């Protein structure tokens, strides 16, 4: 199933506007032009490199679910050639648990690909797979040597989590702080960074700061996965 994106919403709204305008006699011509524009947008989006890459990643997931890891590998390589948008990993990694051995095999095959095509994006895709399968040492090994320029917020989330798993909370906190959001309404990646900061503070005994970050996250998404863990750590220390 394809995920909703701002482009999907825009195209849908243009279609709706076109149909409504077409039903109004004096605006029918304008409505027709709007519908033509919607069709043009739809075609452009459908055949864009990013959308074609998303389909490749989605096909890779379906192949993994069928146990065809070699085919999944081919789809991933093709998708990477089309687009290197890190959100594409979402098409590959869900649903996940039932196919863990196949994903592990895929990650191993992609690691071999690093010998020919070592890029931050490929490392991110492999690290995302290892993160989901609980191989945090492999996540750390893949990402630890990336430069500051190559460490965007999505990569920092993974690397910071691997540092926390190793018990290196101070390094993880320093890393998360580099991308701490400043805007009033944080997005999902930014909320997870705030959660990571809160967990680091909780694990180093700074309950006051941990509580501050818990409240910041809970204000926008009280059901964010992992937030309950921070709540438990805070109240365990307060007892």
Protein backbone atom coordinates (compact mmCIF):
# COMPACT_ATOMS: atom_id res chain seq x y z
CA UNK A 1 0.00 0.00 0.00
CA UNK A 2 1.34 3.43 -0.91
CA UNK A 3 1.76 5.95 1.85
CA UNK A 4 0.07 9.34 1.84
CA UNK A 5 2.36 12.24 0.93
CA UNK A 6 1.87 16.00 0.44
CA UNK A 7 1.90 15.32 -3.32
CA UNK A 8 -0.93 12.81 -3.02
CA UNK A 9 -2.96 15.33 -1.06
CA UNK A 10 -2.24 18.16 -3.50
CA UNK A 11 -3.28 16.08 -6.50
CA UNK A 12 -6.45 14.94 -4.74
CA UNK A 13 -7.40 18.54 -3.87
CA UNK A 14 -6.80 19.72 -7.43
CA UNK A 15 -9.05 16.93 -8.72
CA UNK A 16 -11.77 17.87 -6.21
CA UNK A 17 -11.49 21.56 -7.09
CA UNK A 18 -11.70 20.74 -10.80
CA UNK A 19 -14.85 18.62 -10.41
CA UNK A 20 -16.55 21.25 -8.25
CA UNK A 21 -15.72 24.04 -10.70
CA UNK A 22 -16.86 21.89 -13.64
CA UNK A 23 -20.29 21.52 -12.04
CA UNK A 24 -20.75 25.31 -11.98
CA UNK A 25 -21.91 26.36 -15.48
CA UNK A 26 -20.14 29.72 -15.59
CA UNK A 27 -16.88 28.16 -14.33
CA UNK A 28 -17.03 24.97 -16.39
CA UNK A 29 -14.15 25.95 -18.69
CA UNK A 30 -11.95 26.79 -15.73
CA UNK A 31 -12.94 23.50 -14.12
CA UNK A 32 -11.93 21.60 -17.26
CA UNK A 33 -8.52 23.27 -17.30
CA UNK A 34 -8.11 22.46 -13.61
CA UNK A 35 -8.89 18.78 -14.24
CA UNK A 36 -6.37 18.72 -17.06
CA UNK A 37 -3.82 20.22 -14.68
CA UNK A 38 -4.66 17.56 -12.09
CA UNK A 39 -4.10 14.80 -14.64
CA UNK A 40 -0.77 16.35 -15.65
CA UNK A 41 0.31 16.55 -12.00
CA UNK A 42 -0.77 12.96 -11.42
CA UNK A 43 1.23 11.67 -14.41
CA UNK A 44 4.29 13.71 -13.46
CA UNK A 45 4.19 12.41 -9.89
CA UNK A 46 3.55 8.79 -10.87
CA UNK A 47 6.56 8.69 -13.19
CA UNK A 48 8.88 10.81 -11.05
CA UNK A 49 12.19 9.15 -10.02
CA UNK A 50 11.17 9.31 -6.36
CA UNK A 51 7.86 7.54 -6.92
CA UNK A 52 9.42 4.95 -9.17
CA UNK A 53 12.01 4.31 -6.45
CA UNK A 54 9.23 3.95 -3.87
CA UNK A 55 7.64 1.24 -6.01
CA UNK A 56 10.99 -0.56 -6.23
CA UNK A 57 11.37 -0.50 -2.44
CA UNK A 58 7.79 -1.67 -2.00
CA UNK A 59 8.40 -4.52 -4.44
CA UNK A 60 11.52 -5.39 -2.46
CA UNK A 61 9.42 -5.73 0.68
CA UNK A 62 6.93 -7.98 -1.12
CA UNK A 63 9.79 -10.13 -2.42
CA UNK A 64 11.20 -10.50 1.08
CA UNK A 65 7.81 -11.58 2.39
CA UNK A 66 7.83 -14.28 -0.29
CA UNK A 67 11.35 -15.33 0.69
CA UNK A 68 12.96 -14.13 -2.55
CA UNK A 69 15.86 -12.16 -1.06
CA UNK A 70 17.84 -12.08 -4.31
CA UNK A 71 14.94 -10.38 -6.10
CA UNK A 72 14.55 -7.95 -3.19
CA UNK A 73 18.23 -7.06 -3.46
CA UNK A 74 17.83 -6.29 -7.16
CA UNK A 75 14.83 -4.03 -6.48
CA UNK A 76 16.77 -2.14 -3.79
CA UNK A 77 19.75 -1.54 -6.08
CA UNK A 78 17.39 -0.31 -8.81
CA UNK A 79 15.56 1.94 -6.34
CA UNK A 80 18.79 3.48 -5.06
CA UNK A 81 19.75 4.35 -8.65
CA UNK A 82 16.50 6.33 -8.98
CA UNK A 83 16.38 8.21 -5.68
CA UNK A 84 18.28 8.51 -2.41
CA UNK A 85 15.50 9.92 -0.25
CA UNK A 86 15.82 8.27 3.17
CA UNK A 87 12.06 8.12 3.72
CA UNK A 88 12.07 5.33 1.12
CA UNK A 89 13.28 2.97 3.86
CA UNK A 90 9.73 3.07 5.25
CA UNK A 91 8.48 1.21 2.17
CA UNK A 92 11.00 -1.55 2.77
CA UNK A 93 10.80 -2.09 6.53
CA UNK A 94 7.11 -2.54 7.30
CA UNK A 95 5.67 -5.03 8.14
CA UNK A 96 8.81 -6.60 9.47
CA UNK A 97 8.97 -9.15 12.29
CA UNK A 98 7.83 -12.28 10.41
CA UNK A 99 10.57 -11.86 7.78
CA UNK A 100 13.53 -11.14 10.07
CA UNK A 101 15.87 -13.89 8.72
CA UNK A 102 15.25 -12.69 5.16
CA UNK A 103 15.97 -9.08 6.09
CA UNK A 104 19.19 -10.15 7.79
CA UNK A 105 20.26 -11.93 4.61
CA UNK A 106 19.34 -8.88 2.55
CA UNK A 107 21.40 -6.62 4.84
CA UNK A 108 24.40 -8.92 4.39
CA UNK A 109 24.04 -8.80 0.61
CA UNK A 110 23.78 -5.01 0.67
CA UNK A 111 26.92 -4.81 2.83
CA UNK A 112 28.78 -6.59 0.07
CA UNK A 113 27.47 -3.93 -2.32
CA UNK A 114 29.37 -1.33 -0.26
CA UNK A 115 32.57 -2.59 -1.88
CA UNK A 116 31.30 -1.24 -5.21
CA UNK A 117 29.02 1.61 -4.15
CA UNK A 118 29.83 2.92 -0.68
CA UNK A 119 27.47 5.86 -0.08
CA UNK A 120 25.92 7.36 3.08
CA UNK A 121 22.48 6.47 1.72
CA UNK A 122 23.30 2.79 1.22
CA UNK A 123 24.83 2.69 4.70
CA UNK A 124 21.63 4.24 6.06
CA UNK A 125 19.44 1.63 4.36
CA UNK A 126 21.55 -1.23 5.71
CA UNK A 127 21.70 0.34 9.17
CA UNK A 128 17.91 0.75 9.15
CA UNK A 129 17.52 -2.97 8.53
CA UNK A 130 19.96 -3.86 11.31
CA UNK A 131 18.23 -1.40 13.64
CA UNK A 132 14.90 -3.14 13.11
CA UNK A 133 16.46 -6.57 13.63
CA UNK A 134 18.16 -5.45 16.85
CA UNK A 135 21.73 -5.64 15.55
CA UNK A 136 22.80 -2.37 17.17
CA UNK A 137 26.54 -3.07 17.02
CA UNK A 138 26.25 -3.35 13.24
CA UNK A 139 24.31 -0.06 13.14
CA UNK A 140 27.12 1.64 15.06
CA UNK A 141 29.83 0.14 12.86
CA UNK A 142 28.10 1.26 9.66
CA UNK A 143 27.45 4.85 10.72
CA UNK A 144 30.20 5.83 13.18
CA UNK A 145 32.70 7.02 10.56
CA UNK A 146 30.31 9.22 8.55
CA UNK A 147 31.27 12.89 8.47
CA UNK A 148 29.21 15.59 10.18
CA UNK A 149 27.93 16.67 6.77
CA UNK A 150 26.69 13.13 6.08
CA UNK A 151 24.90 12.81 9.42
CA UNK A 152 21.39 14.16 8.88
CA UNK A 153 18.62 13.80 11.46
CA UNK A 154 17.48 10.36 10.28
CA UNK A 155 21.00 8.95 10.40
CA UNK A 156 21.65 10.58 13.77
CA UNK A 157 18.53 8.87 15.16
CA UNK A 158 19.97 5.48 14.28
CA UNK A 159 23.53 6.22 15.37
CA UNK A 160 22.37 7.79 18.63
CA UNK A 161 20.19 4.78 19.41
CA UNK A 162 23.14 2.44 18.81
CA UNK A 163 25.28 4.52 21.18
CA UNK A 164 22.58 4.32 23.85
CA UNK A 165 22.43 0.55 23.41
CA UNK A 166 26.18 0.44 24.09
CA UNK A 167 25.67 2.54 27.23
CA UNK A 168 27.44 5.59 25.82
CA UNK A 169 24.74 8.06 26.85
CA UNK A 170 27.02 11.08 26.90
CA UNK A 171 28.03 10.62 23.26
CA UNK A 172 24.44 9.92 22.24
CA UNK A 173 23.24 13.05 24.04
CA UNK A 174 25.88 15.18 22.35
CA UNK A 175 24.88 13.75 18.99
CA UNK A 176 21.14 14.28 19.49
CA UNK A 177 21.74 17.84 20.68
CA UNK A 178 23.26 18.69 17.30
CA UNK A 179 19.84 18.32 15.66
CA UNK A 180 17.59 19.35 18.54
CA UNK A 181 14.55 21.06 16.94
CA UNK A 182 13.98 24.75 17.57
CA UNK A 183 10.63 25.22 15.86
CA UNK A 184 7.39 25.17 17.83
CA UNK A 185 5.82 22.15 16.11
CA UNK A 186 8.40 19.37 15.61
CA UNK A 187 7.97 16.66 12.99
CA UNK A 188 8.22 12.93 13.71
CA UNK A 189 12.01 12.73 13.34
CA UNK A 190 12.42 15.74 15.62
CA UNK A 191 10.08 14.26 18.24
CA UNK A 192 12.17 11.10 18.26
CA UNK A 193 15.32 13.18 18.75
CA UNK A 194 13.67 14.90 21.73
CA UNK A 195 12.73 11.48 23.08
CA UNK A 196 16.33 10.32 22.66
CA UNK A 197 17.58 13.35 24.57
CA UNK A 198 15.08 12.66 27.35
CA UNK A 199 16.16 9.02 27.59
CA UNK A 200 19.82 10.03 27.75
CA UNK A 201 19.09 12.42 30.60
CA UNK A 202 17.07 9.74 32.42
CA UNK A 203 19.83 7.16 32.04
CA UNK A 204 22.43 9.59 33.39
CA UNK A 205 20.30 10.53 36.40
CA UNK A 206 19.19 14.00 35.33
CA UNK A 207 15.49 13.46 36.05
CA UNK A 208 14.62 17.15 35.93
CA UNK A 209 15.82 17.46 32.34
CA UNK A 210 14.36 14.05 31.43
CA UNK A 211 10.95 15.24 32.66
CA UNK A 212 11.28 18.45 30.66
CA UNK A 213 11.84 16.51 27.44
CA UNK A 214 9.12 14.00 28.28
CA UNK A 215 6.64 16.86 28.55
CA UNK A 216 7.83 18.40 25.27
CA UNK A 217 7.20 15.16 23.40
CA UNK A 218 3.94 14.29 25.18
CA UNK A 219 2.54 17.71 24.28
CA UNK A 220 2.58 16.80 20.57
CA UNK A 221 2.39 12.99 20.54
CA UNK A 222 1.58 11.28 23.85
CA UNK A 223 1.46 7.88 22.12
CA UNK A 224 4.89 8.12 20.46
CA UNK A 225 6.57 4.68 20.67
CA UNK A 226 9.19 4.71 23.42
CA UNK A 227 7.68 7.60 25.36
CA UNK A 228 6.21 5.18 27.90
CA UNK A 229 9.74 3.87 28.50
CA UNK A 230 10.92 7.38 29.35
CA UNK A 231 7.94 7.83 31.68
CA UNK A 232 8.83 4.61 33.51
CA UNK A 233 12.47 5.63 33.90
CA UNK A 234 11.48 9.02 35.31
CA UNK A 235 9.06 7.62 37.86
CA UNK A 236 11.36 4.76 38.81
CA UNK A 237 14.04 7.28 39.76
CA UNK A 238 11.55 9.42 41.70
CA UNK A 239 10.58 6.52 43.98
